[in-house]
Amino acid sequence: MLYGYVRVSTKDQKVDVQVDELVAVGVERANIFVDIGVSGKRASRPGLDALLAALQPGDEVVVTKLDRLGRSMIHTAQLAQGFREGGIGFKSLKDSVDTSTASGRMMFNLLASFAEYERELIVERTLAGLEHARANGRVGGRRPVMRRPLALQIKALVDGGLKPAEIAKQLKVGRATAYRYIATYEEVLEPSPDAM
């Protein structure tokens, strides 16, 4: 079965040109999945999700351009790799990608290699940035959310003899969060050296 996928980023844009191009290569209108006004940055899109759910081995997915399918080159390559692993063909009309031909597979493999290279560069830059931050005394992650009013509330609950599970229930947080609060509230309440 031949399936098509089209996407436009804003509701003002029309899908007619993309749809007409897919119909011209043999995709039936009923088999064209559409996302209108949905950014390519979103991994989950109703039309794309429905297309992926409909696919069976032996089917083929056709898009007018690669950037209509994935939110990035990496995401597009991952989708196309999933198609290949599922026995599903993939074709991009304007990008010389057609996994049913040798030259199309070569082009796809080149694009996938560039996407993998891009992903590895991102990982390297992220790790280098984290290492630099650690070397300068900074730690990644969220900033602590414990403030003095919350620390005072936890102190009152602990002084009142409540157990961690009861404190979690009172504060409407998970038990792990309650244990973390109990372990750190005294640090927040300690007077700072500047205040002495």
Foldseek 3Di string as FASTA:
>chain_A
DEAEEFEDQEQPDDCVVFLVVSVVVPHDSVRYFYAYNHALLDPDTVRLVVNVVPDAAPYEYEGQALSRRHSDLQRSLVVCVVCVVRNYWYYHNPQLATVVDPSNVVSSVVSNVVSVVVVVVVVVVVVVVQVVCVVVPHHDDDDDPDALVVLVVLVVCVVVVDDLVVVCVVVVHDSVVSVVSVVCSVVNVDDDPVVD
